[in-house]
Amino acid sequence: MSREWDALWAPWRGAGLEHLALACDEEGVCADVVIGVEGDLRFRIRYELSCDPAWRVREVSVALLAIEGTSVRLLNDGEGH
């Protein structure tokens, strides 16, 4: 059975917005978050987390959306590597 949630939140001070799309099913958990403003600097960063059904992180991807090719992807094999 698949379940999905969406949440939006803003910082206590200043401008900004974060959006979380969270999906859980028998395969595991996926979280997709986009961030927006820091001080006078506007930016868009997307980070995605993939977890196994026990919520152990298997993959993390972070990308600066305004500049193509600015990203990092980290993988975990479940054995600590």
N, C-alpha and C. Protein backbone atom coordinates (compact mmCIF):
# COMPACT_ATOMS: atom_id res chain seq x y z
N MET A 1 0.84 -1.18 0.00
CA MET A 1 0.00 0.00 0.00
C MET A 1 0.89 1.25 0.00
N SER A 2 0.68 2.11 -0.95
CA SER A 2 1.47 3.34 -1.07
C SER A 2 0.77 4.49 -0.35
N ARG A 3 1.57 5.30 0.35
CA ARG A 3 1.04 6.49 1.02
C ARG A 3 1.90 7.67 0.61
N GLU A 4 1.26 8.82 0.43
CA GLU A 4 1.97 10.03 0.02
C GLU A 4 1.52 11.21 0.88
N TRP A 5 2.48 12.09 1.19
CA TRP A 5 2.20 13.30 1.95
C TRP A 5 2.92 14.47 1.30
N ASP A 6 2.35 15.67 1.45
CA ASP A 6 2.98 16.91 1.01
C ASP A 6 2.96 17.87 2.19
N ALA A 7 4.05 18.62 2.35
CA ALA A 7 4.13 19.64 3.40
C ALA A 7 4.89 20.84 2.86
N LEU A 8 4.45 22.03 3.25
CA LEU A 8 5.13 23.29 2.93
C LEU A 8 5.43 24.00 4.23
N TRP A 9 6.60 24.65 4.31
CA TRP A 9 6.90 25.44 5.49
C TRP A 9 7.82 26.59 5.12
N ALA A 10 7.82 27.61 5.96
CA ALA A 10 8.64 28.82 5.76
C ALA A 10 9.51 29.02 7.00
N PRO A 11 10.64 29.72 6.86
CA PRO A 11 11.50 29.97 8.02
C PRO A 11 10.84 30.91 9.02
N TRP A 12 11.31 30.88 10.26
CA TRP A 12 10.80 31.77 11.30
C TRP A 12 11.03 33.22 10.94
N ARG A 13 12.20 33.52 10.35
CA ARG A 13 12.53 34.90 9.97
C ARG A 13 12.90 34.95 8.50
N GLY A 14 12.55 36.05 7.87
CA GLY A 14 12.92 36.26 6.47
C GLY A 14 12.04 35.49 5.51
N ALA A 15 12.37 35.63 4.25
CA ALA A 15 11.62 34.96 3.19
C ALA A 15 12.15 33.56 2.97
N GLY A 16 11.35 32.74 2.36
CA GLY A 16 11.78 31.39 2.03
C GLY A 16 10.60 30.44 2.03
N LEU A 17 10.81 29.28 1.48
CA LEU A 17 9.77 28.26 1.43
C LEU A 17 10.43 26.92 1.16
N GLU A 18 9.96 25.88 1.81
CA GLU A 18 10.41 24.53 1.53
C GLU A 18 9.20 23.68 1.24
N HIS A 19 9.33 22.76 0.30
CA HIS A 19 8.25 21.84 -0.05
C HIS A 19 8.77 20.43 0.05
N LEU A 20 8.07 19.59 0.79
CA LEU A 20 8.42 18.18 0.94
C LEU A 20 7.33 17.33 0.32
N ALA A 21 7.72 16.42 -0.56
CA ALA A 21 6.82 15.39 -1.08
C ALA A 21 7.39 14.07 -0.58
N LEU A 22 6.64 13.37 0.26
CA LEU A 22 7.10 12.13 0.88
C LEU A 22 6.21 10.99 0.42
N ALA A 23 6.82 9.90 -0.05
CA ALA A 23 6.07 8.74 -0.51
C ALA A 23 6.64 7.49 0.16
N CYS A 24 5.77 6.65 0.69
CA CYS A 24 6.17 5.40 1.34
C CYS A 24 5.39 4.25 0.73
N ASP A 25 6.09 3.15 0.43
CA ASP A 25 5.44 1.93 -0.03
C ASP A 25 6.28 0.74 0.42
N GLU A 26 5.95 -0.46 -0.05
CA GLU A 26 6.69 -1.64 0.38
C GLU A 26 8.15 -1.63 -0.10
N GLU A 27 8.47 -0.82 -1.11
CA GLU A 27 9.84 -0.70 -1.62
C GLU A 27 10.70 0.18 -0.72
N GLY A 28 10.07 1.12 0.00
CA GLY A 28 10.83 2.03 0.86
C GLY A 28 10.20 3.41 0.91
N VAL A 29 11.05 4.41 1.11
CA VAL A 29 10.61 5.78 1.33
C VAL A 29 11.36 6.71 0.38
N CYS A 30 10.65 7.69 -0.20
CA CYS A 30 11.27 8.70 -1.04
C CYS A 30 10.86 10.08 -0.54
N ALA A 31 11.82 10.97 -0.38
CA ALA A 31 11.54 12.34 0.01
C ALA A 31 12.15 13.26 -1.02
N ASP A 32 11.40 14.26 -1.46
CA ASP A 32 11.84 15.21 -2.47
C ASP A 32 11.56 16.60 -1.91
N VAL A 33 12.62 17.41 -1.73
CA VAL A 33 12.47 18.72 -1.11
C VAL A 33 13.08 19.80 -2.00
N VAL A 34 12.39 20.93 -2.12
CA VAL A 34 12.91 22.09 -2.86
C VAL A 34 12.94 23.27 -1.90
N ILE A 35 14.06 24.03 -1.91
CA ILE A 35 14.26 25.18 -1.03
C ILE A 35 14.40 26.44 -1.87
N GLY A 36 14.06 27.63 -1.29
CA GLY A 36 14.01 28.84 -2.09
C GLY A 36 14.84 30.06 -1.83
N VAL A 37 14.90 30.67 -0.64
CA VAL A 37 15.52 31.98 -0.46
C VAL A 37 16.37 31.99 0.81
N GLU A 38 17.52 32.67 0.74
CA GLU A 38 18.37 32.90 1.91
C GLU A 38 18.83 34.34 1.86
N GLY A 39 18.33 35.17 2.77
CA GLY A 39 18.67 36.59 2.76
C GLY A 39 18.20 37.22 1.46
N ASP A 40 19.10 37.93 0.78
CA ASP A 40 18.77 38.54 -0.52
C ASP A 40 19.04 37.59 -1.69
N LEU A 41 19.60 36.43 -1.40
CA LEU A 41 19.96 35.47 -2.44
C LEU A 41 18.80 34.51 -2.70
N ARG A 42 18.32 34.51 -3.94
CA ARG A 42 17.29 33.56 -4.34
C ARG A 42 17.97 32.37 -5.01
N PHE A 43 17.57 31.19 -4.64
CA PHE A 43 18.15 29.99 -5.20
C PHE A 43 17.11 28.87 -5.17
N ARG A 44 17.39 27.83 -5.92
CA ARG A 44 16.56 26.63 -5.89
C ARG A 44 17.47 25.42 -5.75
N ILE A 45 17.28 24.72 -4.67
CA ILE A 45 18.02 23.48 -4.43
C ILE A 45 17.01 22.36 -4.28
N ARG A 46 17.30 21.25 -4.89
CA ARG A 46 16.45 20.08 -4.73
C ARG A 46 17.29 18.99 -4.10
N TYR A 47 16.76 18.38 -3.05
CA TYR A 47 17.42 17.20 -2.54
C TYR A 47 16.42 16.08 -2.42
N GLU A 48 16.88 14.90 -2.78
CA GLU A 48 16.04 13.71 -2.78
C GLU A 48 16.71 12.64 -1.93
N LEU A 49 15.93 12.01 -1.09
CA LEU A 49 16.40 10.92 -0.24
C LEU A 49 15.61 9.67 -0.57
N SER A 50 16.31 8.55 -0.70
CA SER A 50 15.64 7.26 -0.88
C SER A 50 16.08 6.36 0.26
N CYS A 51 15.10 5.78 0.94
CA CYS A 51 15.37 4.91 2.08
C CYS A 51 14.76 3.53 1.82
N ASP A 52 15.28 2.51 2.50
CA ASP A 52 14.68 1.19 2.42
C ASP A 52 13.47 1.15 3.37
N PRO A 53 12.73 0.05 3.42
CA PRO A 53 11.54 0.00 4.28
C PRO A 53 11.82 0.23 5.77
N ALA A 54 13.06 0.04 6.21
CA ALA A 54 13.43 0.29 7.61
C ALA A 54 13.92 1.73 7.83
N TRP A 55 13.73 2.60 6.83
CA TRP A 55 14.12 4.01 6.86
C TRP A 55 15.65 4.22 6.89
N ARG A 56 16.42 3.26 6.41
CA ARG A 56 17.87 3.45 6.27
C ARG A 56 18.12 4.11 4.93
N VAL A 57 18.89 5.19 4.94
CA VAL A 57 19.15 5.96 3.71
C VAL A 57 19.97 5.12 2.75
N ARG A 58 19.49 5.02 1.51
CA ARG A 58 20.20 4.29 0.45
C ARG A 58 20.78 5.22 -0.59
N GLU A 59 20.14 6.38 -0.80
CA GLU A 59 20.63 7.32 -1.81
C GLU A 59 20.23 8.74 -1.43
N VAL A 60 21.17 9.68 -1.66
CA VAL A 60 20.91 11.10 -1.48
C VAL A 60 21.41 11.82 -2.72
N SER A 61 20.56 12.67 -3.29
CA SER A 61 20.95 13.51 -4.44
C SER A 61 20.65 14.96 -4.09
N VAL A 62 21.61 15.84 -4.38
CA VAL A 62 21.43 17.27 -4.15
C VAL A 62 21.82 17.99 -5.43
N ALA A 63 20.95 18.93 -5.88
CA ALA A 63 21.23 19.66 -7.12
C ALA A 63 20.87 21.13 -6.96
N LEU A 64 21.73 22.01 -7.44
CA LEU A 64 21.45 23.43 -7.54
C LEU A 64 20.76 23.62 -8.88
N LEU A 65 19.47 23.95 -8.87
CA LEU A 65 18.67 23.92 -10.10
C LEU A 65 18.97 25.06 -11.07
N ALA A 66 19.56 26.16 -10.60
CA ALA A 66 19.83 27.29 -11.49
C ALA A 66 21.07 27.07 -12.36
N ILE A 67 21.94 26.14 -11.97
CA ILE A 67 23.18 25.91 -12.72
C ILE A 67 23.24 24.44 -13.12
N GLU A 68 23.09 24.16 -14.39
CA GLU A 68 23.09 22.79 -14.88
C GLU A 68 24.41 22.10 -14.54
N GLY A 69 24.33 20.86 -14.13
CA GLY A 69 25.52 20.07 -13.82
C GLY A 69 26.06 20.28 -12.42
N THR A 70 25.40 21.11 -11.62
CA THR A 70 25.84 21.33 -10.25
C THR A 70 25.04 20.40 -9.34
N SER A 71 25.57 19.19 -9.13
CA SER A 71 24.85 18.22 -8.32
C SER A 71 25.81 17.21 -7.72
N VAL A 72 25.31 16.49 -6.72
CA VAL A 72 26.08 15.41 -6.11
C VAL A 72 25.09 14.29 -5.80
N ARG A 73 25.56 13.04 -5.94
CA ARG A 73 24.73 11.87 -5.66
C ARG A 73 25.55 10.90 -4.81
N LEU A 74 25.02 10.52 -3.66
CA LEU A 74 25.68 9.59 -2.74
C LEU A 74 24.84 8.33 -2.62
N LEU A 75 25.50 7.18 -2.69
CA LEU A 75 24.81 5.89 -2.62
C LEU A 75 25.32 5.09 -1.42
N ASN A 76 24.46 4.24 -0.86
CA ASN A 76 24.81 3.37 0.24
C ASN A 76 24.38 1.96 -0.15
N ASP A 77 25.25 0.99 0.06
CA ASP A 77 24.91 -0.40 -0.33
C ASP A 77 24.21 -1.17 0.78
N GLY A 78 23.94 -0.53 1.93
CA GLY A 78 23.30 -1.21 3.04
C GLY A 78 24.28 -1.94 3.94
N GLU A 79 25.55 -1.94 3.56
CA GLU A 79 26.61 -2.58 4.33
C GLU A 79 27.57 -1.54 4.93
N GLY A 80 27.18 -0.28 4.90
CA GLY A 80 28.02 0.78 5.46
C GLY A 80 28.99 1.38 4.46
N HIS A 81 28.84 1.08 3.18
CA HIS A 81 29.73 1.62 2.13
C HIS A 81 28.96 2.57 1.25
